[in-house]
PDB file of N, CA and C in Angstrom:
ATOM      1  N   MET A   1      11.143   4.762  20.480  1.00  0.00           N
ATOM      2  CA  MET A   1      11.169   5.293  19.141  1.00  0.00           C
ATOM      3  C   MET A   1       9.771   5.192  18.533  1.00  0.00           C
ATOM      4  N   LYS A   2       9.289   6.304  18.028  1.00  0.00           N
ATOM      5  CA  LYS A   2       7.974   6.344  17.411  1.00  0.00           C
ATOM      6  C   LYS A   2       8.063   5.755  15.999  1.00  0.00           C
ATOM      7  N   PRO A   3       7.163   4.814  15.639  1.00  0.00           N
ATOM      8  CA  PRO A   3       7.235   4.223  14.293  1.00  0.00           C
ATOM      9  C   PRO A   3       6.858   5.242  13.220  1.00  0.00           C
ATOM     10  N   ILE A   4       7.462   5.079  12.039  1.00  0.00           N
ATOM     11  CA  ILE A   4       7.102   5.945  10.929  1.00  0.00           C
ATOM     12  C   ILE A   4       5.867   5.373  10.237  1.00  0.00           C
ATOM     13  N   ILE A   5       5.147   6.214   9.517  1.00  0.00           N
ATOM     14  CA  ILE A   5       3.934   5.795   8.824  1.00  0.00           C
ATOM     15  C   ILE A   5       4.234   5.706   7.337  1.00  0.00           C
ATOM     16  N   LEU A   6       3.949   4.554   6.761  1.00  0.00           N
ATOM     17  CA  LEU A   6       4.080   4.347   5.324  1.00  0.00           C
ATOM     18  C   LEU A   6       2.677   4.207   4.757  1.00  0.00           C
ATOM     19  N   GLU A   7       2.252   5.205   3.985  1.00  0.00           N
ATOM     20  CA  GLU A   7       0.938   5.161   3.354  1.00  0.00           C
ATOM     21  C   GLU A   7       1.110   4.661   1.929  1.00  0.00           C
ATOM     22  N   VAL A   8       0.364   3.614   1.573  1.00  0.00           N
ATOM     23  CA  VAL A   8       0.403   3.048   0.234  1.00  0.00           C
ATOM     24  C   VAL A   8      -0.848   3.523  -0.486  1.00  0.00           C
ATOM     25  N   VAL A   9      -0.674   4.351  -1.514  1.00  0.00           N
ATOM     26  CA  VAL A   9      -1.794   4.887  -2.280  1.00  0.00           C
ATOM     27  C   VAL A   9      -1.852   4.112  -3.586  1.00  0.00           C
ATOM     28  N   ALA A  10      -2.984   3.429  -3.807  1.00  0.00           N
ATOM     29  CA  ALA A  10      -3.168   2.636  -5.015  1.00  0.00           C
ATOM     30  C   ALA A  10      -4.649   2.562  -5.342  1.00  0.00           C
ATOM     31  N   PRO A  11      -4.998   2.485  -6.616  1.00  0.00           N
ATOM     32  CA  PRO A  11      -6.410   2.354  -6.976  1.00  0.00           C
ATOM     33  C   PRO A  11      -6.939   0.985  -6.578  1.00  0.00           C
ATOM     34  N   THR A  12      -8.215   0.928  -6.314  1.00  0.00           N
ATOM     35  CA  THR A  12      -8.856  -0.329  -5.933  1.00  0.00           C
ATOM     36  C   THR A  12     -10.097  -0.547  -6.778  1.00  0.00           C
ATOM     37  N   LEU A  13     -10.597  -1.748  -6.731  1.00  0.00           N
ATOM     38  CA  LEU A  13     -11.858  -2.057  -7.397  1.00  0.00           C
ATOM     39  C   LEU A  13     -12.945  -2.101  -6.349  1.00  0.00           C
ATOM     40  N   SER A  14     -14.045  -1.437  -6.601  1.00  0.00           N
ATOM     41  CA  SER A  14     -15.121  -1.338  -5.611  1.00  0.00           C
ATOM     42  C   SER A  14     -15.831  -2.673  -5.436  1.00  0.00           C
ATOM     43  N   GLY A  15     -16.266  -2.923  -4.224  1.00  0.00           N
ATOM     44  CA  GLY A  15     -17.015  -4.111  -3.898  1.00  0.00           C
ATOM     45  C   GLY A  15     -18.009  -3.798  -2.806  1.00  0.00           C
ATOM     46  N   ALA A  16     -18.788  -4.771  -2.424  1.00  0.00           N
ATOM     47  CA  ALA A  16     -19.827  -4.541  -1.432  1.00  0.00           C
ATOM     48  C   ALA A  16     -19.253  -4.227  -0.053  1.00  0.00           C
ATOM     49  N   ASN A  17     -18.320  -5.054   0.424  1.00  0.00           N
ATOM     50  CA  ASN A  17     -17.765  -4.828   1.758  1.00  0.00           C
ATOM     51  C   ASN A  17     -16.424  -4.110   1.704  1.00  0.00           C
ATOM     52  N   LEU A  18     -15.465  -4.758   1.099  1.00  0.00           N
ATOM     53  CA  LEU A  18     -14.139  -4.187   0.958  1.00  0.00           C
ATOM     54  C   LEU A  18     -13.639  -4.633  -0.396  1.00  0.00           C
ATOM     55  N   ASN A  19     -13.012  -3.766  -1.130  1.00  0.00           N
ATOM     56  CA  ASN A  19     -12.575  -4.107  -2.476  1.00  0.00           C
ATOM     57  C   ASN A  19     -11.530  -5.212  -2.456  1.00  0.00           C
ATOM     58  N   ASP A  20     -11.402  -5.892  -3.596  1.00  0.00           N
ATOM     59  CA  ASP A  20     -10.513  -7.048  -3.676  1.00  0.00           C
ATOM     60  C   ASP A  20      -9.047  -6.667  -3.591  1.00  0.00           C
ATOM     61  N   TRP A  21      -8.667  -5.548  -4.209  1.00  0.00           N
ATOM     62  CA  TRP A  21      -7.270  -5.093  -4.119  1.00  0.00           C
ATOM     63  C   TRP A  21      -6.913  -4.879  -2.665  1.00  0.00           C
ATOM     64  N   GLY A  22      -7.798  -4.186  -1.966  1.00  0.00           N
ATOM     65  CA  GLY A  22      -7.568  -3.925  -0.549  1.00  0.00           C
ATOM     66  C   GLY A  22      -7.518  -5.200   0.256  1.00  0.00           C
ATOM     67  N   CYS A  23      -8.391  -6.146  -0.075  1.00  0.00           N
ATOM     68  CA  CYS A  23      -8.395  -7.423   0.641  1.00  0.00           C
ATOM     69  C   CYS A  23      -7.076  -8.150   0.468  1.00  0.00           C
ATOM     70  N   CYS A  24      -6.600  -8.196  -0.766  1.00  0.00           N
ATOM     71  CA  CYS A  24      -5.342  -8.895  -1.025  1.00  0.00           C
ATOM     72  C   CYS A  24      -4.192  -8.211  -0.292  1.00  0.00           C
ATOM     73  N   LEU A  25      -4.144  -6.888  -0.357  1.00  0.00           N
ATOM     74  CA  LEU A  25      -3.067  -6.164   0.307  1.00  0.00           C
ATOM     75  C   LEU A  25      -3.202  -6.233   1.819  1.00  0.00           C
ATOM     76  N   LEU A  26      -4.439  -6.113   2.317  1.00  0.00           N
ATOM     77  CA  LEU A  26      -4.635  -6.172   3.764  1.00  0.00           C
ATOM     78  C   LEU A  26      -4.269  -7.535   4.318  1.00  0.00           C
ATOM     79  N   SER A  27      -4.569  -8.595   3.566  1.00  0.00           N
ATOM     80  CA  SER A  27      -4.221  -9.920   4.060  1.00  0.00           C
ATOM     81  C   SER A  27      -2.713 -10.071   4.183  1.00  0.00           C
ATOM     82  N   GLU A  28      -1.965  -9.488   3.248  1.00  0.00           N
ATOM     83  CA  GLU A  28      -0.507  -9.539   3.326  1.00  0.00           C
ATOM     84  C   GLU A  28       0.018  -8.630   4.429  1.00  0.00           C
ATOM     85  N   ALA A  29      -0.687  -7.550   4.689  1.00  0.00           N
ATOM     86  CA  ALA A  29      -0.243  -6.617   5.729  1.00  0.00           C
ATOM     87  C   ALA A  29      -0.649  -7.110   7.119  1.00  0.00           C
ATOM     88  N   GLY A  30      -1.406  -8.217   7.184  1.00  0.00           N
ATOM     89  CA  GLY A  30      -1.799  -8.779   8.461  1.00  0.00           C
ATOM     90  C   GLY A  30      -2.986  -8.095   9.100  1.00  0.00           C
ATOM     91  N   ALA A  31      -3.823  -7.427   8.297  1.00  0.00           N
ATOM     92  CA  ALA A  31      -4.942  -6.671   8.857  1.00  0.00           C
ATOM     93  C   ALA A  31      -6.281  -7.157   8.328  1.00  0.00           C
ATOM     94  N   GLU A  32      -6.363  -8.407   7.882  1.00  0.00           N
ATOM     95  CA  GLU A  32      -7.596  -8.858   7.271  1.00  0.00           C
ATOM     96  C   GLU A  32      -8.669  -9.293   8.274  1.00  0.00           C
ATOM     97  N   GLU A  33      -8.329  -9.380   9.525  1.00  0.00           N
ATOM     98  CA  GLU A  33      -9.284  -9.840  10.520  1.00  0.00           C
ATOM     99  C   GLU A  33     -10.495  -8.918  10.558  1.00  0.00           C
ATOM    100  N   GLY A  34     -11.672  -9.511  10.496  1.00  0.00           N
ATOM    101  CA  GLY A  34     -12.906  -8.731  10.544  1.00  0.00           C
ATOM    102  C   GLY A  34     -13.433  -8.355   9.175  1.00  0.00           C
ATOM    103  N   TYR A  35     -12.671  -8.631   8.119  1.00  0.00           N
ATOM    104  CA  TYR A  35     -13.116  -8.321   6.774  1.00  0.00           C
ATOM    105  C   TYR A  35     -13.447  -9.605   6.035  1.00  0.00           C
ATOM    106  N   ARG A  36     -14.385  -9.490   5.125  1.00  0.00           N
ATOM    107  CA  ARG A  36     -14.709 -10.622   4.254  1.00  0.00           C
ATOM    108  C   ARG A  36     -13.766 -10.534   3.067  1.00  0.00           C
ATOM    109  N   LEU A  37     -12.920 -11.556   2.914  1.00  0.00           N
ATOM    110  CA  LEU A  37     -11.977 -11.547   1.813  1.00  0.00           C
ATOM    111  C   LEU A  37     -12.648 -12.122   0.569  1.00  0.00           C
ATOM    112  N   SER A  38     -12.548 -11.426  -0.555  1.00  0.00           N
ATOM    113  CA  SER A  38     -13.099 -11.872  -1.823  1.00  0.00           C
ATOM    114  C   SER A  38     -12.035 -12.613  -2.598  1.00  0.00           C
ATOM    115  N   PRO A  39     -12.448 -13.561  -3.440  1.00  0.00           N
ATOM    116  CA  PRO A  39     -11.438 -14.265  -4.231  1.00  0.00           C
ATOM    117  C   PRO A  39     -10.833 -13.335  -5.278  1.00  0.00           C
ATOM    118  N   CYS A  40      -9.524 -13.362  -5.397  1.00  0.00           N
ATOM    119  CA  CYS A  40      -8.824 -12.498  -6.345  1.00  0.00           C
ATOM    120  C   CYS A  40      -8.664 -13.167  -7.704  1.00  0.00           C
ATOM    121  N   ASP A  41      -9.128 -14.402  -7.826  1.00  0.00           N
ATOM    122  CA  ASP A  41      -8.927 -15.150  -9.064  1.00  0.00           C
ATOM    123  C   ASP A  41      -9.769 -14.648 -10.224  1.00  0.00           C
ATOM    124  N   GLU A  42     -10.738 -13.783  -9.989  1.00  0.00           N
ATOM    125  CA  GLU A  42     -11.627 -13.317 -11.044  1.00  0.00           C
ATOM    126  C   GLU A  42     -11.037 -12.175 -11.859  1.00  0.00           C
ATOM    127  N   TYR A  43      -9.865 -11.689 -11.515  1.00  0.00           N
ATOM    128  CA  TYR A  43      -9.286 -10.534 -12.180  1.00  0.00           C
ATOM    129  C   TYR A  43      -8.209 -10.943 -13.171  1.00  0.00           C
ATOM    130  N   PRO A  44      -7.862 -10.056 -14.116  1.00  0.00           N
ATOM    131  CA  PRO A  44      -6.844 -10.374 -15.129  1.00  0.00           C
ATOM    132  C   PRO A  44      -5.484 -10.706 -14.514  1.00  0.00           C
ATOM    133  N   GLU A  45      -4.707 -11.454 -15.272  1.00  0.00           N
ATOM    134  CA  GLU A  45      -3.406 -11.910 -14.786  1.00  0.00           C
ATOM    135  C   GLU A  45      -2.463 -10.754 -14.440  1.00  0.00           C
ATOM    136  N   ASP A  46      -2.441  -9.706 -15.270  1.00  0.00           N
ATOM    137  CA  ASP A  46      -1.531  -8.598 -14.984  1.00  0.00           C
ATOM    138  C   ASP A  46      -1.916  -7.882 -13.696  1.00  0.00           C
ATOM    139  N   TRP A  47      -3.212  -7.798 -13.424  1.00  0.00           N
ATOM    140  CA  TRP A  47      -3.682  -7.193 -12.178  1.00  0.00           C
ATOM    141  C   TRP A  47      -3.252  -8.043 -10.997  1.00  0.00           C
ATOM    142  N   LYS A  48      -3.440  -9.366 -11.132  1.00  0.00           N
ATOM    143  CA  LYS A  48      -3.056 -10.262 -10.036  1.00  0.00           C
ATOM    144  C   LYS A  48      -1.545 -10.224  -9.795  1.00  0.00           C
ATOM    145  N   GLU A  49      -0.761 -10.107 -10.866  1.00  0.00           N
ATOM    146  CA  GLU A  49       0.689 -10.023 -10.703  1.00  0.00           C
ATOM    147  C   GLU A  49       1.080  -8.748  -9.961  1.00  0.00           C
ATOM    148  N   ALA A  50       0.439  -7.627 -10.330  1.00  0.00           N
ATOM    149  CA  ALA A  50       0.741  -6.352  -9.658  1.00  0.00           C
ATOM    150  C   ALA A  50       0.364  -6.422  -8.186  1.00  0.00           C
ATOM    151  N   VAL A  51      -0.807  -6.962  -7.892  1.00  0.00           N
ATOM    152  CA  VAL A  51      -1.250  -7.093  -6.503  1.00  0.00           C
ATOM    153  C   VAL A  51      -0.311  -8.014  -5.737  1.00  0.00           C
ATOM    154  N   GLY A  52       0.054  -9.124  -6.359  1.00  0.00           N
ATOM    155  CA  GLY A  52       0.972 -10.058  -5.710  1.00  0.00           C
ATOM    156  C   GLY A  52       2.324  -9.431  -5.413  1.00  0.00           C
ATOM    157  N   TYR A  53       2.816  -8.653  -6.365  1.00  0.00           N
ATOM    158  CA  TYR A  53       4.109  -7.994  -6.181  1.00  0.00           C
ATOM    159  C   TYR A  53       4.057  -6.976  -5.044  1.00  0.00           C
ATOM    160  N   VAL A  54       3.040  -6.107  -5.060  1.00  0.00           N
ATOM    161  CA  VAL A  54       2.921  -5.099  -3.998  1.00  0.00           C
ATOM    162  C   VAL A  54       2.654  -5.770  -2.655  1.00  0.00           C
ATOM    163  N   SER A  55       1.842  -6.824  -2.657  1.00  0.00           N
ATOM    164  CA  SER A  55       1.552  -7.543  -1.416  1.00  0.00           C
ATOM    165  C   SER A  55       2.820  -8.139  -0.814  1.00  0.00           C
ATOM    166  N   GLN A  56       3.617  -8.803  -1.653  1.00  0.00           N
ATOM    167  CA  GLN A  56       4.862  -9.393  -1.174  1.00  0.00           C
ATOM    168  C   GLN A  56       5.824  -8.313  -0.711  1.00  0.00           C
ATOM    169  N   TRP A  57       5.848  -7.211  -1.432  1.00  0.00           N
ATOM    170  CA  TRP A  57       6.703  -6.080  -1.098  1.00  0.00           C
ATOM    171  C   TRP A  57       6.353  -5.532   0.277  1.00  0.00           C
ATOM    172  N   MET A  58       5.050  -5.344   0.543  1.00  0.00           N
ATOM    173  CA  MET A  58       4.622  -4.822   1.843  1.00  0.00           C
ATOM    174  C   MET A  58       4.896  -5.830   2.956  1.00  0.00           C
ATOM    175  N   LYS A  59       4.756  -7.109   2.641  1.00  0.00           N
ATOM    176  CA  LYS A  59       5.066  -8.150   3.626  1.00  0.00           C
ATOM    177  C   LYS A  59       6.553  -8.107   3.987  1.00  0.00           C
ATOM    178  N   ASN A  60       7.403  -7.938   2.980  1.00  0.00           N
ATOM    179  CA  ASN A  60       8.851  -7.851   3.229  1.00  0.00           C
ATOM    180  C   ASN A  60       9.196  -6.604   4.040  1.00  0.00           C
ATOM    181  N   ILE A  61       8.581  -5.491   3.712  1.00  0.00           N
ATOM    182  CA  ILE A  61       8.845  -4.241   4.450  1.00  0.00           C
ATOM    183  C   ILE A  61       8.383  -4.379   5.896  1.00  0.00           C
ATOM    184  N   ARG A  62       7.209  -4.980   6.075  1.00  0.00           N
ATOM    185  CA  ARG A  62       6.693  -5.166   7.434  1.00  0.00           C
ATOM    186  C   ARG A  62       7.624  -6.055   8.246  1.00  0.00           C
ATOM    187  N   SER A  63       8.161  -7.115   7.640  1.00  0.00           N
ATOM    188  CA  SER A  63       9.065  -7.992   8.390  1.00  0.00           C
ATOM    189  C   SER A  63      10.439  -7.348   8.583  1.00  0.00           C
ATOM    190  N   LEU A  64      10.878  -6.548   7.628  1.00  0.00           N
ATOM    191  CA  LEU A  64      12.184  -5.891   7.725  1.00  0.00           C
ATOM    192  C   LEU A  64      12.204  -4.814   8.802  1.00  0.00           C
ATOM    193  N   TYR A  65      11.140  -4.032   8.878  1.00  0.00           N
ATOM    194  CA  TYR A  65      11.125  -2.895   9.808  1.00  0.00           C
ATOM    195  C   TYR A  65      10.306  -3.158  11.074  1.00  0.00           C
ATOM    196  N   ARG A  66       9.575  -4.236  11.119  1.00  0.00           N
ATOM    197  CA  ARG A  66       8.778  -4.678  12.269  1.00  0.00           C
ATOM    198  C   ARG A  66       8.097  -3.555  13.039  1.00  0.00           C
ATOM    199  N   HIS A  67       8.562  -3.251  14.231  1.00  0.00           N
ATOM    200  CA  HIS A  67       7.915  -2.271  15.109  1.00  0.00           C
ATOM    201  C   HIS A  67       8.257  -0.828  14.738  1.00  0.00           C
ATOM    202  N   ARG A  68       9.129  -0.613  13.764  1.00  0.00           N
ATOM    203  CA  ARG A  68       9.538   0.744  13.401  1.00  0.00           C
ATOM    204  C   ARG A  68       8.661   1.366  12.313  1.00  0.00           C
ATOM    205  N   ILE A  69       7.664   0.598  11.785  1.00  0.00           N
ATOM    206  CA  ILE A  69       6.851   1.110  10.683  1.00  0.00           C
ATOM    207  C   ILE A  69       5.396   0.695  10.843  1.00  0.00           C
ATOM    208  N   VAL A  70       4.500   1.570  10.425  1.00  0.00           N
ATOM    209  CA  VAL A  70       3.065   1.280  10.370  1.00  0.00           C
ATOM    210  C   VAL A  70       2.646   1.475   8.922  1.00  0.00           C
ATOM    211  N   ILE A  71       2.036   0.446   8.327  1.00  0.00           N
ATOM    212  CA  ILE A  71       1.610   0.520   6.932  1.00  0.00           C
ATOM    213  C   ILE A  71       0.121   0.813   6.879  1.00  0.00           C
ATOM    214  N   GLU A  72      -0.244   1.860   6.139  1.00  0.00           N
ATOM    215  CA  GLU A  72      -1.652   2.232   5.960  1.00  0.00           C
ATOM    216  C   GLU A  72      -1.980   2.179   4.475  1.00  0.00           C
ATOM    217  N   MET A  73      -3.065   1.498   4.139  1.00  0.00           N
ATOM    218  CA  MET A  73      -3.516   1.405   2.756  1.00  0.00           C
ATOM    219  C   MET A  73      -4.505   2.532   2.488  1.00  0.00           C
ATOM    220  N   VAL A  74      -4.333   3.244   1.366  1.00  0.00           N
ATOM    221  CA  VAL A  74      -5.222   4.343   0.999  1.00  0.00           C
ATOM    222  C   VAL A  74      -5.751   4.072  -0.406  1.00  0.00           C
ATOM    223  N   ASP A  75      -7.078   3.985  -0.525  1.00  0.00           N
ATOM    224  CA  ASP A  75      -7.721   3.800  -1.823  1.00  0.00           C
ATOM    225  C   ASP A  75      -7.587   5.092  -2.614  1.00  0.00           C
ATOM    226  N   ALA A  76      -6.944   5.031  -3.773  1.00  0.00           N
ATOM    227  CA  ALA A  76      -6.704   6.234  -4.573  1.00  0.00           C
ATOM    228  C   ALA A  76      -8.005   6.873  -5.062  1.00  0.00           C
ATOM    229  N   GLN A  77      -9.099   6.117  -5.082  1.00  0.00           N
ATOM    230  CA  GLN A  77     -10.374   6.637  -5.578  1.00  0.00           C
ATOM    231  C   GLN A  77     -11.258   7.201  -4.471  1.00  0.00           C
ATOM    232  N   SER A  78     -10.826   7.083  -3.241  1.00  0.00           N
ATOM    233  CA  SER A  78     -11.590   7.609  -2.115  1.00  0.00           C
ATOM    234  C   SER A  78     -11.306   9.101  -1.958  1.00  0.00           C
ATOM    235  N   PRO A  79     -12.159   9.824  -1.227  1.00  0.00           N
ATOM    236  CA  PRO A  79     -11.861  11.242  -0.980  1.00  0.00           C
ATOM    237  C   PRO A  79     -10.479  11.455  -0.343  1.00  0.00           C
ATOM    238  N   LEU A  80     -10.118  10.613   0.605  1.00  0.00           N
ATOM    239  CA  LEU A  80      -8.794  10.708   1.220  1.00  0.00           C
ATOM    240  C   LEU A  80      -7.704  10.444   0.187  1.00  0.00           C
ATOM    241  N   GLY A  81      -7.922   9.444  -0.656  1.00  0.00           N
ATOM    242  CA  GLY A  81      -6.946   9.118  -1.692  1.00  0.00           C
ATOM    243  C   GLY A  81      -6.763  10.249  -2.686  1.00  0.00           C
ATOM    244  N   ILE A  82      -7.849  10.883  -3.061  1.00  0.00           N
ATOM    245  CA  ILE A  82      -7.769  12.025  -3.986  1.00  0.00           C
ATOM    246  C   ILE A  82      -7.013  13.173  -3.327  1.00  0.00           C
ATOM    247  N   TRP A  83      -7.302  13.410  -2.048  1.00  0.00           N
ATOM    248  CA  TRP A  83      -6.578  14.457  -1.322  1.00  0.00           C
ATOM    249  C   TRP A  83      -5.081  14.144  -1.275  1.00  0.00           C
ATOM    250  N   LYS A  84      -4.726  12.897  -0.994  1.00  0.00           N
ATOM    251  CA  LYS A  84      -3.314  12.511  -0.934  1.00  0.00           C
ATOM    252  C   LYS A  84      -2.642  12.718  -2.295  1.00  0.00           C
ATOM    253  N   GLN A  85      -3.357  12.398  -3.382  1.00  0.00           N
ATOM    254  CA  GLN A  85      -2.802  12.588  -4.721  1.00  0.00           C
ATOM    255  C   GLN A  85      -2.514  14.058  -4.993  1.00  0.00           C
ATOM    256  N   ILE A  86      -3.439  14.920  -4.616  1.00  0.00           N
ATOM    257  CA  ILE A  86      -3.252  16.360  -4.828  1.00  0.00           C
ATOM    258  C   ILE A  86      -2.143  16.883  -3.925  1.00  0.00           C
ATOM    259  N   ARG A  87      -2.207  16.552  -2.667  1.00  0.00           N
ATOM    260  CA  ARG A  87      -1.267  17.064  -1.661  1.00  0.00           C
ATOM    261  C   ARG A  87       0.177  16.662  -1.942  1.00  0.00           C
ATOM    262  N   HIS A  88       0.359  15.387  -2.378  1.00  0.00           N
ATOM    263  CA  HIS A  88       1.705  14.864  -2.581  1.00  0.00           C
ATOM    264  C   HIS A  88       2.085  14.732  -4.055  1.00  0.00           C
ATOM    265  N   ARG A  89       1.237  15.263  -4.932  1.00  0.00           N
ATOM    266  CA  ARG A  89       1.479  15.245  -6.382  1.00  0.00           C
ATOM    267  C   ARG A  89       1.718  13.837  -6.903  1.00  0.00           C
ATOM    268  N   VAL A  90       0.805  12.953  -6.587  1.00  0.00           N
ATOM    269  CA  VAL A  90       0.874  11.562  -7.020  1.00  0.00           C
ATOM    270  C   VAL A  90       0.055  11.426  -8.296  1.00  0.00           C
ATOM    271  N   PHE A  91       0.705  11.030  -9.385  1.00  0.00           N
ATOM    272  CA  PHE A  91       0.013  10.889 -10.660  1.00  0.00           C
ATOM    273  C   PHE A  91       0.112   9.481 -11.233  1.00  0.00           C
ATOM    274  N   ARG A  92       0.874   8.609 -10.574  1.00  0.00           N
ATOM    275  CA  ARG A  92       0.996   7.202 -10.975  1.00  0.00           C
ATOM    276  C   ARG A  92       0.929   6.354  -9.713  1.00  0.00           C
ATOM    277  N   PHE A  93       0.767   5.058  -9.916  1.00  0.00           N
ATOM    278  CA  PHE A  93       0.639   4.156  -8.778  1.00  0.00           C
ATOM    279  C   PHE A  93       1.509   2.929  -8.995  1.00  0.00           C
ATOM    280  N   PRO A  94       1.931   2.259  -7.938  1.00  0.00           N
ATOM    281  CA  PRO A  94       1.696   2.567  -6.537  1.00  0.00           C
ATOM    282  C   PRO A  94       2.548   3.744  -6.074  1.00  0.00           C
ATOM    283  N   ALA A  95       2.004   4.455  -5.119  1.00  0.00           N
ATOM    284  CA  ALA A  95       2.696   5.592  -4.520  1.00  0.00           C
ATOM    285  C   ALA A  95       2.840   5.329  -3.022  1.00  0.00           C
ATOM    286  N   PHE A  96       3.949   5.736  -2.476  1.00  0.00           N
ATOM    287  CA  PHE A  96       4.247   5.509  -1.068  1.00  0.00           C
ATOM    288  C   PHE A  96       4.587   6.852  -0.426  1.00  0.00           C
ATOM    289  N   ILE A  97       3.884   7.177   0.642  1.00  0.00           N
ATOM    290  CA  ILE A  97       4.114   8.424   1.357  1.00  0.00           C
ATOM    291  C   ILE A  97       4.708   8.062   2.717  1.00  0.00           C
ATOM    292  N   ILE A  98       5.910   8.559   2.978  1.00  0.00           N
ATOM    293  CA  ILE A  98       6.618   8.219   4.204  1.00  0.00           C
ATOM    294  C   ILE A  98       6.523   9.377   5.177  1.00  0.00           C
ATOM    295  N   ASP A  99       5.886   9.116   6.315  1.00  0.00           N
ATOM    296  CA  ASP A  99       5.739  10.095   7.403  1.00  0.00           C
ATOM    297  C   ASP A  99       5.164  11.434   6.935  1.00  0.00           C
ATOM    298  N   LYS A 100       4.295  11.392   5.961  1.00  0.00           N
ATOM    299  CA  LYS A 100       3.609  12.577   5.427  1.00  0.00           C
ATOM    300  C   LYS A 100       4.582  13.621   4.883  1.00  0.00           C
ATOM    301  N   LYS A 101       5.818  13.210   4.603  1.00  0.00           N
ATOM    302  CA  LYS A 101       6.829  14.157   4.142  1.00  0.00           C
ATOM    303  C   LYS A 101       7.391  13.796   2.774  1.00  0.00           C
ATOM    304  N   SER A 102       7.842  12.571   2.616  1.00  0.00           N
ATOM    305  CA  SER A 102       8.490  12.140   1.384  1.00  0.00           C
ATOM    306  C   SER A 102       7.572  11.213   0.593  1.00  0.00           C
ATOM    307  N   THR A 103       7.702  11.270  -0.721  1.00  0.00           N
ATOM    308  CA  THR A 103       6.879  10.438  -1.593  1.00  0.00           C
ATOM    309  C   THR A 103       7.768   9.655  -2.543  1.00  0.00           C
ATOM    310  N   TYR A 104       7.442   8.374  -2.709  1.00  0.00           N
ATOM    311  CA  TYR A 104       8.102   7.549  -3.709  1.00  0.00           C
ATOM    312  C   TYR A 104       7.025   6.949  -4.594  1.00  0.00           C
ATOM    313  N   ILE A 105       7.209   7.065  -5.907  1.00  0.00           N
ATOM    314  CA  ILE A 105       6.279   6.477  -6.867  1.00  0.00           C
ATOM    315  C   ILE A 105       7.081   5.527  -7.733  1.00  0.00           C
ATOM    316  N   GLY A 106       6.690   4.276  -7.752  1.00  0.00           N
ATOM    317  CA  GLY A 106       7.401   3.332  -8.594  1.00  0.00           C
ATOM    318  C   GLY A 106       7.442   1.936  -8.012  1.00  0.00           C
ATOM    319  N   TRP A 107       8.296   1.108  -8.634  1.00  0.00           N
ATOM    320  CA  TRP A 107       8.322  -0.315  -8.320  1.00  0.00           C
ATOM    321  C   TRP A 107       9.671  -0.799  -7.799  1.00  0.00           C
ATOM    322  N   ASP A 108      10.573   0.087  -7.437  1.00  0.00           N
ATOM    323  CA  ASP A 108      11.906  -0.328  -7.004  1.00  0.00           C
ATOM    324  C   ASP A 108      11.991  -0.429  -5.480  1.00  0.00           C
ATOM    325  N   PRO A 109      12.069  -1.649  -4.950  1.00  0.00           N
ATOM    326  CA  PRO A 109      12.121  -1.816  -3.491  1.00  0.00           C
ATOM    327  C   PRO A 109      13.321  -1.139  -2.836  1.00  0.00           C
ATOM    328  N   GLN A 110      14.485  -1.138  -3.509  1.00  0.00           N
ATOM    329  CA  GLN A 110      15.670  -0.541  -2.905  1.00  0.00           C
ATOM    330  C   GLN A 110      15.507   0.967  -2.707  1.00  0.00           C
ATOM    331  N   GLU A 111      14.887   1.629  -3.662  1.00  0.00           N
ATOM    332  CA  GLU A 111      14.676   3.076  -3.525  1.00  0.00           C
ATOM    333  C   GLU A 111      13.728   3.389  -2.369  1.00  0.00           C
ATOM    334  N   LEU A 112      12.646   2.607  -2.257  1.00  0.00           N
ATOM    335  CA  LEU A 112      11.702   2.828  -1.164  1.00  0.00           C
ATOM    336  C   LEU A 112      12.368   2.553   0.182  1.00  0.00           C
ATOM    337  N   GLU A 113      13.113   1.472   0.276  1.00  0.00           N
ATOM    338  CA  GLU A 113      13.782   1.146   1.534  1.00  0.00           C
ATOM    339  C   GLU A 113      14.817   2.207   1.911  1.00  0.00           C
ATOM    340  N   ALA A 114      15.517   2.753   0.925  1.00  0.00           N
ATOM    341  CA  ALA A 114      16.493   3.823   1.205  1.00  0.00           C
ATOM    342  C   ALA A 114      15.778   5.056   1.754  1.00  0.00           C
ATOM    343  N   LEU A 115      14.623   5.372   1.210  1.00  0.00           N
ATOM    344  CA  LEU A 115      13.849   6.518   1.688  1.00  0.00           C
ATOM    345  C   LEU A 115      13.330   6.261   3.112  1.00  0.00           C
ATOM    346  N   ILE A 116      12.874   5.050   3.368  1.00  0.00           N
ATOM    347  CA  ILE A 116      12.410   4.699   4.723  1.00  0.00           C
ATOM    348  C   ILE A 116      13.580   4.786   5.703  1.00  0.00           C
ATOM    349  N   ASP A 117      14.743   4.279   5.299  1.00  0.00           N
ATOM    350  CA  ASP A 117      15.926   4.320   6.171  1.00  0.00           C
ATOM    351  C   ASP A 117      16.298   5.744   6.555  1.00  0.00           C
ATOM    352  N   ARG A 118      16.154   6.685   5.607  1.00  0.00           N
ATOM    353  CA  ARG A 118      16.463   8.078   5.906  1.00  0.00           C
ATOM    354  C   ARG A 118      15.541   8.646   6.974  1.00  0.00           C
ATOM    355  N   HIS A 119      14.304   8.163   7.020  1.00  0.00           N
ATOM    356  CA  HIS A 119      13.354   8.658   8.012  1.00  0.00           C
ATOM    357  C   HIS A 119      13.508   7.962   9.361  1.00  0.00           C
ATOM    358  N   ILE A 120      14.076   6.793   9.368  1.00  0.00           N
ATOM    359  CA  ILE A 120      14.277   6.071  10.632  1.00  0.00           C
ATOM    360  C   ILE A 120      15.523   6.623  11.272  1.00  0.00           C
TER     361      ILE A 120
END
């Protein structure tokens, strides 16, 4: 069975090597190896809560679907991120694109999981 691709489109804060939002999310997604992780403590509490929530959410999805899903992080401010926003009509964040076909925008884990289940 070929794994489905879950693209997470979210804005990031720019940094020298890799932005902090990406670092926090990548560390939860298990892909931080080779990157310099920046401390996330310098950002506002609401930002840290949002990052923590999405990070935990992606960790849960990764453990729930294991080998059936590949999670890709897309910086909403990058050229690819802008293209994804136009292509999939993403106007709010976080946005999740499942197998380049379906889009979910919002914070409800059950809705996202139901959409992923339909593609599996």
